[in-house]
Amino acid sequence: MKEPATPGVQPRVWFLDNAKALLIFLVVLGHAVDVTGVALKPGAAVLRVWIYMFHMPLFIFLAGYFSKRMLRPGQAFPKQRAFGFLLLFTALQVVNFGLDQLVFRYVVPGFTPAPMRFLTVNGAPWYLLGMLWWLLFTHLLFSLRPQLKPWLALLLAVAAGVAIGYDQQPQDFLAFPRAVFFYPFFLAGVFWKPEWFRTLRKWPLRCAAALCLGASLFLLTRRWQEAYDLRGMLSGRNNYDVF
């Protein structure tokens, strides 16, 4: 049942809320598989790689879609929102450091606490820095080329994401390489039109999506070791020399 619309207020799209909730759960599940150290078992390895194939691209795509209101040609840069992401990033880095020192070092066998760092980011807080970069990238893109065609902007973003893999610099510096790698998904969300979701929700496309997910899961079960060896390609934080 749909919630009645309020004049002047855009009605809530519940299936997008459900999608975000599912993706958040998959993020937690994927990291839990790593932390518990069972990722080398075939079943857990397949689950981890399968989740990482789509959960972050979709999550970032939705972040771009919900950011489209504050990212329009001629609109001022959303300073308050950007500052909020920076503040959350700093707070989360401090909390993670505290948990490492006070909890995980005592309960996780062989765990070595990482030093406090703010310039190199390889954990969950990278996403908050990523949001900063994506807001900045999109604002600059619209400022420099306000009439740039969406397909051309996406093509340039994809080219930058591919090229960043050749960078020999440390890949975790300010989460910049990872932000460039995932930026096409964010930009696609910015350009996405609400009415296109109705097309995607038609049963033929739903069935096709289910078949693709099922086929990818089946293929992973057949080649799980090879897929797990290439899992670093899905994180966006490794250059091509790693492979």
C-alpha atoms as a PDB file:
ATOM      1  CA  MET A   1       0.000   0.000   0.000  1.00  0.00           C
ATOM      2  CA  LYS A   2       1.374   3.385  -0.983  1.00  0.00           C
ATOM      3  CA  GLU A   3       1.610   6.206   1.517  1.00  0.00           C
ATOM      4  CA  PRO A   4      -0.704   9.122   0.569  1.00  0.00           C
ATOM      5  CA  ALA A   5       1.180  11.981  -1.011  1.00  0.00           C
ATOM      6  CA  THR A   6       1.476  15.302   0.816  1.00  0.00           C
ATOM      7  CA  PRO A   7       1.243  18.462  -1.303  1.00  0.00           C
ATOM      8  CA  GLY A   8       4.724  19.839  -1.986  1.00  0.00           C
ATOM      9  CA  VAL A   9       6.441  16.713  -0.643  1.00  0.00           C
ATOM     10  CA  GLN A  10       7.727  13.970  -2.903  1.00  0.00           C
ATOM     11  CA  PRO A  11       6.188  10.607  -1.909  1.00  0.00           C
ATOM     12  CA  ARG A  12       8.557   8.072  -0.418  1.00  0.00           C
ATOM     13  CA  VAL A  13       9.634   5.264  -2.731  1.00  0.00           C
ATOM     14  CA  TRP A  14       9.551   2.263  -0.447  1.00  0.00           C
ATOM     15  CA  PHE A  15      11.245  -0.216  -2.742  1.00  0.00           C
ATOM     16  CA  LEU A  16      14.331   2.035  -2.763  1.00  0.00           C
ATOM     17  CA  ASP A  17      14.327   2.080   1.037  1.00  0.00           C
ATOM     18  CA  ASN A  18      14.095  -1.704   1.000  1.00  0.00           C
ATOM     19  CA  ALA A  19      16.948  -1.872  -1.496  1.00  0.00           C
ATOM     20  CA  LYS A  20      19.140   0.292   0.746  1.00  0.00           C
ATOM     21  CA  ALA A  21      18.328  -1.873   3.769  1.00  0.00           C
ATOM     22  CA  LEU A  22      19.233  -5.035   1.843  1.00  0.00           C
ATOM     23  CA  LEU A  23      22.491  -3.531   0.572  1.00  0.00           C
ATOM     24  CA  ILE A  24      23.476  -2.392   4.081  1.00  0.00           C
ATOM     25  CA  PHE A  25      22.863  -5.940   5.305  1.00  0.00           C
ATOM     26  CA  LEU A  26      25.030  -7.321   2.486  1.00  0.00           C
ATOM     27  CA  VAL A  27      27.829  -4.871   3.367  1.00  0.00           C
ATOM     28  CA  VAL A  28      27.804  -6.136   6.955  1.00  0.00           C
ATOM     29  CA  LEU A  29      27.600  -9.761   5.832  1.00  0.00           C
ATOM     30  CA  GLY A  30      30.480  -9.381   3.379  1.00  0.00           C
ATOM     31  CA  HIS A  31      32.730  -7.818   6.004  1.00  0.00           C
ATOM     32  CA  ALA A  32      31.678 -10.404   8.603  1.00  0.00           C
ATOM     33  CA  VAL A  33      32.882 -13.181   6.311  1.00  0.00           C
ATOM     34  CA  ASP A  34      36.299 -11.505   6.172  1.00  0.00           C
ATOM     35  CA  VAL A  35      36.577 -10.752   9.881  1.00  0.00           C
ATOM     36  CA  THR A  36      35.645 -14.270  10.969  1.00  0.00           C
ATOM     37  CA  GLY A  37      38.415 -15.689   8.817  1.00  0.00           C
ATOM     38  CA  VAL A  38      36.254 -18.241   6.997  1.00  0.00           C
ATOM     39  CA  ALA A  39      36.674 -16.672   3.575  1.00  0.00           C
ATOM     40  CA  LEU A  40      39.002 -19.439   2.389  1.00  0.00           C
ATOM     41  CA  LYS A  41      36.251 -22.023   2.736  1.00  0.00           C
ATOM     42  CA  PRO A  42      34.551 -22.570  -0.639  1.00  0.00           C
ATOM     43  CA  GLY A  43      31.042 -21.599   0.450  1.00  0.00           C
ATOM     44  CA  ALA A  44      32.150 -18.442   2.261  1.00  0.00           C
ATOM     45  CA  ALA A  45      34.508 -17.461  -0.563  1.00  0.00           C
ATOM     46  CA  VAL A  46      31.720 -17.762  -3.130  1.00  0.00           C
ATOM     47  CA  LEU A  47      29.364 -15.733  -0.938  1.00  0.00           C
ATOM     48  CA  ARG A  48      31.922 -12.981  -0.398  1.00  0.00           C
ATOM     49  CA  VAL A  49      32.860 -12.585  -4.066  1.00  0.00           C
ATOM     50  CA  TRP A  50      29.225 -12.774  -5.185  1.00  0.00           C
ATOM     51  CA  ILE A  51      28.174 -10.039  -2.747  1.00  0.00           C
ATOM     52  CA  TYR A  52      31.081  -7.792  -3.725  1.00  0.00           C
ATOM     53  CA  MET A  53      30.196  -8.104  -7.408  1.00  0.00           C
ATOM     54  CA  PHE A  54      27.174  -5.853  -7.016  1.00  0.00           C
ATOM     55  CA  HIS A  55      26.542  -4.526  -3.513  1.00  0.00           C
ATOM     56  CA  MET A  56      28.908  -1.529  -3.510  1.00  0.00           C
ATOM     57  CA  PRO A  57      28.139  -0.415  -7.101  1.00  0.00           C
ATOM     58  CA  LEU A  58      24.414  -0.491  -6.319  1.00  0.00           C
ATOM     59  CA  PHE A  59      24.867   1.232  -2.969  1.00  0.00           C
ATOM     60  CA  ILE A  60      26.924   4.010  -4.575  1.00  0.00           C
ATOM     61  CA  PHE A  61      24.448   4.284  -7.446  1.00  0.00           C
ATOM     62  CA  LEU A  62      21.634   4.925  -4.936  1.00  0.00           C
ATOM     63  CA  ALA A  63      23.828   7.464  -3.132  1.00  0.00           C
ATOM     64  CA  GLY A  64      24.160   9.352  -6.413  1.00  0.00           C
ATOM     65  CA  TYR A  65      20.436   9.103  -7.090  1.00  0.00           C
ATOM     66  CA  PHE A  66      19.543  10.575  -3.687  1.00  0.00           C
ATOM     67  CA  SER A  67      22.178  13.310  -4.120  1.00  0.00           C
ATOM     68  CA  LYS A  68      20.802  14.616  -7.420  1.00  0.00           C
ATOM     69  CA  ARG A  69      18.821  17.446  -5.754  1.00  0.00           C
ATOM     70  CA  MET A  70      21.966  19.141  -4.482  1.00  0.00           C
ATOM     71  CA  LEU A  71      24.046  18.429  -7.598  1.00  0.00           C
ATOM     72  CA  ARG A  72      22.620  20.428 -10.471  1.00  0.00           C
ATOM     73  CA  PRO A  73      24.256  22.729 -13.018  1.00  0.00           C
ATOM     74  CA  GLY A  74      24.503  26.246 -11.609  1.00  0.00           C
ATOM     75  CA  GLN A  75      23.835  25.127  -8.043  1.00  0.00           C
ATOM     76  CA  ALA A  76      26.258  25.979  -5.214  1.00  0.00           C
ATOM     77  CA  PHE A  77      28.491  23.277  -3.796  1.00  0.00           C
ATOM     78  CA  PRO A  78      26.753  21.588  -0.811  1.00  0.00           C
ATOM     79  CA  LYS A  79      29.294  22.688   1.805  1.00  0.00           C
ATOM     80  CA  GLN A  80      27.271  21.659   4.838  1.00  0.00           C
ATOM     81  CA  ARG A  81      26.691  18.162   3.543  1.00  0.00           C
ATOM     82  CA  ALA A  82      30.374  17.805   2.614  1.00  0.00           C
ATOM     83  CA  PHE A  83      31.451  19.029   6.065  1.00  0.00           C
ATOM     84  CA  GLY A  84      29.085  16.509   7.631  1.00  0.00           C
ATOM     85  CA  PHE A  85      30.748  13.652   5.746  1.00  0.00           C
ATOM     86  CA  LEU A  86      34.183  14.896   6.811  1.00  0.00           C
ATOM     87  CA  LEU A  87      33.082  15.101  10.440  1.00  0.00           C
ATOM     88  CA  LEU A  88      31.604  11.606  10.348  1.00  0.00           C
ATOM     89  CA  PHE A  89      34.768  10.257   8.733  1.00  0.00           C
ATOM     90  CA  THR A  90      36.946  11.733  11.482  1.00  0.00           C
ATOM     91  CA  ALA A  91      34.664  10.424  14.231  1.00  0.00           C
ATOM     92  CA  LEU A  92      34.534   6.936  12.723  1.00  0.00           C
ATOM     93  CA  GLN A  93      38.311   6.773  12.386  1.00  0.00           C
ATOM     94  CA  VAL A  94      38.656   7.637  16.092  1.00  0.00           C
ATOM     95  CA  VAL A  95      36.006   5.076  17.091  1.00  0.00           C
ATOM     96  CA  ASN A  96      37.640   2.344  14.994  1.00  0.00           C
ATOM     97  CA  PHE A  97      41.017   3.104  16.537  1.00  0.00           C
ATOM     98  CA  GLY A  98      39.506   2.867  19.999  1.00  0.00           C
ATOM     99  CA  LEU A  99      37.808  -0.459  19.238  1.00  0.00           C
ATOM    100  CA  ASP A 100      41.053  -1.864  17.822  1.00  0.00           C
ATOM    101  CA  GLN A 101      43.018  -0.859  20.929  1.00  0.00           C
ATOM    102  CA  LEU A 102      40.453  -1.724  23.576  1.00  0.00           C
ATOM    103  CA  VAL A 103      38.483  -4.644  22.159  1.00  0.00           C
ATOM    104  CA  PHE A 104      39.672  -6.412  19.019  1.00  0.00           C
ATOM    105  CA  ARG A 105      43.296  -6.801  20.089  1.00  0.00           C
ATOM    106  CA  TYR A 106      42.090  -8.894  23.034  1.00  0.00           C
ATOM    107  CA  VAL A 107      39.300 -10.930  21.457  1.00  0.00           C
ATOM    108  CA  VAL A 108      40.574 -11.603  17.915  1.00  0.00           C
ATOM    109  CA  PRO A 109      43.533 -14.025  17.784  1.00  0.00           C
ATOM    110  CA  GLY A 110      46.548 -12.570  15.974  1.00  0.00           C
ATOM    111  CA  PHE A 111      44.924  -9.177  15.556  1.00  0.00           C
ATOM    112  CA  THR A 112      47.358  -6.249  15.228  1.00  0.00           C
ATOM    113  CA  PRO A 113      45.873  -2.788  15.855  1.00  0.00           C
ATOM    114  CA  ALA A 114      46.528  -0.281  13.089  1.00  0.00           C
ATOM    115  CA  PRO A 115      47.960   3.121  14.007  1.00  0.00           C
ATOM    116  CA  MET A 116      45.745   6.176  13.928  1.00  0.00           C
ATOM    117  CA  ARG A 117      45.702   7.508  10.359  1.00  0.00           C
ATOM    118  CA  PHE A 118      43.662  10.109   8.554  1.00  0.00           C
ATOM    119  CA  LEU A 119      45.446  10.326   5.190  1.00  0.00           C
ATOM    120  CA  THR A 120      45.427   6.635   4.321  1.00  0.00           C
ATOM    121  CA  VAL A 121      42.092   4.848   4.575  1.00  0.00           C
ATOM    122  CA  ASN A 122      41.542   1.141   3.905  1.00  0.00           C
ATOM    123  CA  GLY A 123      38.495   0.386   6.041  1.00  0.00           C
ATOM    124  CA  ALA A 124      34.796   1.226   6.073  1.00  0.00           C
ATOM    125  CA  PRO A 125      35.319   5.006   6.618  1.00  0.00           C
ATOM    126  CA  TRP A 126      36.602   5.282   3.044  1.00  0.00           C
ATOM    127  CA  TYR A 127      32.975   5.568   1.900  1.00  0.00           C
ATOM    128  CA  LEU A 128      32.533   8.888   3.731  1.00  0.00           C
ATOM    129  CA  LEU A 129      35.601  10.312   2.010  1.00  0.00           C
ATOM    130  CA  GLY A 130      34.257   8.845  -1.204  1.00  0.00           C
ATOM    131  CA  MET A 131      31.058  10.849  -0.786  1.00  0.00           C
ATOM    132  CA  LEU A 132      33.175  13.980  -0.402  1.00  0.00           C
ATOM    133  CA  TRP A 133      35.049  13.226  -3.607  1.00  0.00           C
ATOM    134  CA  TRP A 134      31.886  12.334  -5.555  1.00  0.00           C
ATOM    135  CA  LEU A 135      30.166  15.550  -4.548  1.00  0.00           C
ATOM    136  CA  LEU A 136      33.244  17.511  -5.580  1.00  0.00           C
ATOM    137  CA  PHE A 137      33.722  15.625  -8.871  1.00  0.00           C
ATOM    138  CA  THR A 138      30.098  16.152  -9.891  1.00  0.00           C
ATOM    139  CA  HIS A 139      30.050  19.817  -8.878  1.00  0.00           C
ATOM    140  CA  LEU A 140      33.215  20.472 -10.897  1.00  0.00           C
ATOM    141  CA  LEU A 141      31.838  18.511 -13.842  1.00  0.00           C
ATOM    142  CA  PHE A 142      28.650  20.574 -13.924  1.00  0.00           C
ATOM    143  CA  SER A 143      30.525  23.830 -13.324  1.00  0.00           C
ATOM    144  CA  LEU A 144      33.039  23.320 -16.109  1.00  0.00           C
ATOM    145  CA  ARG A 145      30.696  21.676 -18.596  1.00  0.00           C
ATOM    146  CA  PRO A 146      27.081  22.436 -17.618  1.00  0.00           C
ATOM    147  CA  GLN A 147      25.747  21.237 -20.984  1.00  0.00           C
ATOM    148  CA  LEU A 148      27.805  18.042 -21.070  1.00  0.00           C
ATOM    149  CA  LYS A 149      25.751  15.121 -22.333  1.00  0.00           C
ATOM    150  CA  PRO A 150      25.157  12.419 -19.687  1.00  0.00           C
ATOM    151  CA  TRP A 151      26.526   9.651 -21.906  1.00  0.00           C
ATOM    152  CA  LEU A 152      29.733  11.604 -22.503  1.00  0.00           C
ATOM    153  CA  ALA A 153      30.130  12.434 -18.812  1.00  0.00           C
ATOM    154  CA  LEU A 154      29.696   8.753 -17.939  1.00  0.00           C
ATOM    155  CA  LEU A 155      32.180   7.752 -20.626  1.00  0.00           C
ATOM    156  CA  LEU A 156      34.769  10.137 -19.184  1.00  0.00           C
ATOM    157  CA  ALA A 157      34.095   8.829 -15.672  1.00  0.00           C
ATOM    158  CA  VAL A 158      34.559   5.226 -16.813  1.00  0.00           C
ATOM    159  CA  ALA A 159      37.795   6.140 -18.608  1.00  0.00           C
ATOM    160  CA  ALA A 160      39.113   7.773 -15.421  1.00  0.00           C
ATOM    161  CA  GLY A 161      38.102   4.710 -13.390  1.00  0.00           C
ATOM    162  CA  VAL A 162      40.011   2.422 -15.751  1.00  0.00           C
ATOM    163  CA  ALA A 163      43.050   4.707 -15.913  1.00  0.00           C
ATOM    164  CA  ILE A 164      43.376   4.998 -12.122  1.00  0.00           C
ATOM    165  CA  GLY A 165      44.331   1.321 -12.008  1.00  0.00           C
ATOM    166  CA  TYR A 166      47.644   2.216 -13.654  1.00  0.00           C
ATOM    167  CA  ASP A 167      48.527   4.627 -10.855  1.00  0.00           C
ATOM    168  CA  GLN A 168      51.571   3.405  -8.942  1.00  0.00           C
ATOM    169  CA  GLN A 169      50.998   5.634  -5.921  1.00  0.00           C
ATOM    170  CA  PRO A 170      49.606   4.271  -2.629  1.00  0.00           C
ATOM    171  CA  GLN A 171      46.033   3.330  -3.394  1.00  0.00           C
ATOM    172  CA  ASP A 172      44.586   4.250  -0.006  1.00  0.00           C
ATOM    173  CA  PHE A 173      45.661   7.906   0.068  1.00  0.00           C
ATOM    174  CA  LEU A 174      42.534   9.848   1.048  1.00  0.00           C
ATOM    175  CA  ALA A 175      40.547   7.043  -0.623  1.00  0.00           C
ATOM    176  CA  PHE A 176      41.045   8.953  -3.889  1.00  0.00           C
ATOM    177  CA  PRO A 177      41.748   6.030  -6.265  1.00  0.00           C
ATOM    178  CA  ARG A 178      38.800   4.085  -4.895  1.00  0.00           C
ATOM    179  CA  ALA A 179      36.565   7.139  -5.264  1.00  0.00           C
ATOM    180  CA  VAL A 180      37.616   7.530  -8.913  1.00  0.00           C
ATOM    181  CA  PHE A 181      37.059   3.817  -9.568  1.00  0.00           C
ATOM    182  CA  PHE A 182      33.481   3.862  -8.230  1.00  0.00           C
ATOM    183  CA  TYR A 183      32.546   7.332  -9.485  1.00  0.00           C
ATOM    184  CA  PRO A 184      30.739   6.117 -12.659  1.00  0.00           C
ATOM    185  CA  PHE A 185      28.153   4.376 -10.479  1.00  0.00           C
ATOM    186  CA  PHE A 186      27.554   7.541  -8.450  1.00  0.00           C
ATOM    187  CA  LEU A 187      27.287   9.664 -11.588  1.00  0.00           C
ATOM    188  CA  ALA A 188      24.876   7.169 -13.157  1.00  0.00           C
ATOM    189  CA  GLY A 189      22.668   7.607 -10.088  1.00  0.00           C
ATOM    190  CA  VAL A 190      22.770  11.387 -10.489  1.00  0.00           C
ATOM    191  CA  PHE A 191      21.613  11.114 -14.093  1.00  0.00           C
ATOM    192  CA  TRP A 192      19.014   8.415 -13.414  1.00  0.00           C
ATOM    193  CA  LYS A 193      15.385   9.485 -13.854  1.00  0.00           C
ATOM    194  CA  PRO A 194      12.704   8.309 -11.384  1.00  0.00           C
ATOM    195  CA  GLU A 195      10.429   6.994 -14.123  1.00  0.00           C
ATOM    196  CA  TRP A 196      13.131   4.590 -15.284  1.00  0.00           C
ATOM    197  CA  PHE A 197      12.620   2.566 -12.106  1.00  0.00           C
ATOM    198  CA  ARG A 198       9.135   1.660 -13.314  1.00  0.00           C
ATOM    199  CA  THR A 199      10.684   0.113 -16.406  1.00  0.00           C
ATOM    200  CA  LEU A 200      13.180  -1.862 -14.355  1.00  0.00           C
ATOM    201  CA  ARG A 201      10.416  -3.255 -12.145  1.00  0.00           C
ATOM    202  CA  LYS A 202       8.604  -4.905 -15.039  1.00  0.00           C
ATOM    203  CA  TRP A 203       8.514  -8.673 -14.739  1.00  0.00           C
ATOM    204  CA  PRO A 204      10.619  -9.518 -17.830  1.00  0.00           C
ATOM    205  CA  LEU A 205      13.479  -7.406 -16.504  1.00  0.00           C
ATOM    206  CA  ARG A 206      13.036  -8.762 -12.987  1.00  0.00           C
ATOM    207  CA  CYS A 207      13.265 -12.307 -14.322  1.00  0.00           C
ATOM    208  CA  ALA A 208      16.336 -11.413 -16.399  1.00  0.00           C
ATOM    209  CA  ALA A 209      18.026  -9.886 -13.342  1.00  0.00           C
ATOM    210  CA  ALA A 210      17.244 -12.969 -11.235  1.00  0.00           C
ATOM    211  CA  LEU A 211      18.660 -15.232 -13.945  1.00  0.00           C
ATOM    212  CA  CYS A 212      21.856 -13.160 -14.152  1.00  0.00           C
ATOM    213  CA  LEU A 213      22.341 -13.282 -10.382  1.00  0.00           C
ATOM    214  CA  GLY A 214      21.645 -16.997 -10.287  1.00  0.00           C
ATOM    215  CA  ALA A 215      23.979 -17.715 -13.212  1.00  0.00           C
ATOM    216  CA  SER A 216      26.797 -15.667 -11.676  1.00  0.00           C
ATOM    217  CA  LEU A 217      26.387 -17.521  -8.372  1.00  0.00           C
ATOM    218  CA  PHE A 218      26.480 -20.875 -10.167  1.00  0.00           C
ATOM    219  CA  LEU A 219      29.630 -19.934 -12.108  1.00  0.00           C
ATOM    220  CA  LEU A 220      31.318 -18.820  -8.911  1.00  0.00           C
ATOM    221  CA  THR A 221      30.640 -22.183  -7.294  1.00  0.00           C
ATOM    222  CA  ARG A 222      32.392 -23.837 -10.246  1.00  0.00           C
ATOM    223  CA  ARG A 223      35.438 -21.524 -10.223  1.00  0.00           C
ATOM    224  CA  TRP A 224      35.474 -20.243  -6.672  1.00  0.00           C
ATOM    225  CA  GLN A 225      39.259 -20.355  -6.162  1.00  0.00           C
ATOM    226  CA  GLU A 226      40.042 -18.351  -9.314  1.00  0.00           C
ATOM    227  CA  ALA A 227      37.313 -15.854  -8.468  1.00  0.00           C
ATOM    228  CA  TYR A 228      38.543 -15.469  -4.899  1.00  0.00           C
ATOM    229  CA  ASP A 229      42.108 -14.846  -6.100  1.00  0.00           C
ATOM    230  CA  LEU A 230      40.795 -11.912  -8.163  1.00  0.00           C
ATOM    231  CA  ARG A 231      38.590 -10.473  -5.413  1.00  0.00           C
ATOM    232  CA  GLY A 232      40.878  -7.432  -5.093  1.00  0.00           C
ATOM    233  CA  MET A 233      39.570  -6.189  -8.436  1.00  0.00           C
ATOM    234  CA  LEU A 234      36.184  -5.549  -6.833  1.00  0.00           C
ATOM    235  CA  SER A 235      37.439  -3.260  -4.072  1.00  0.00           C
ATOM    236  CA  GLY A 236      38.725  -0.472  -6.318  1.00  0.00           C
ATOM    237  CA  ARG A 237      41.772   0.081  -4.109  1.00  0.00           C
ATOM    238  CA  ASN A 238      44.382  -1.993  -5.979  1.00  0.00           C
ATOM    239  CA  ASN A 239      46.356  -1.104  -9.070  1.00  0.00           C
ATOM    240  CA  TYR A 240      46.767  -3.618 -11.869  1.00  0.00           C
ATOM    241  CA  ASP A 241      50.223  -4.715 -10.723  1.00  0.00           C
ATOM    242  CA  VAL A 242      48.570  -6.645  -7.880  1.00  0.00           C
ATOM    243  CA  PHE A 243      47.067  -9.034 -10.395  1.00  0.00           C
END
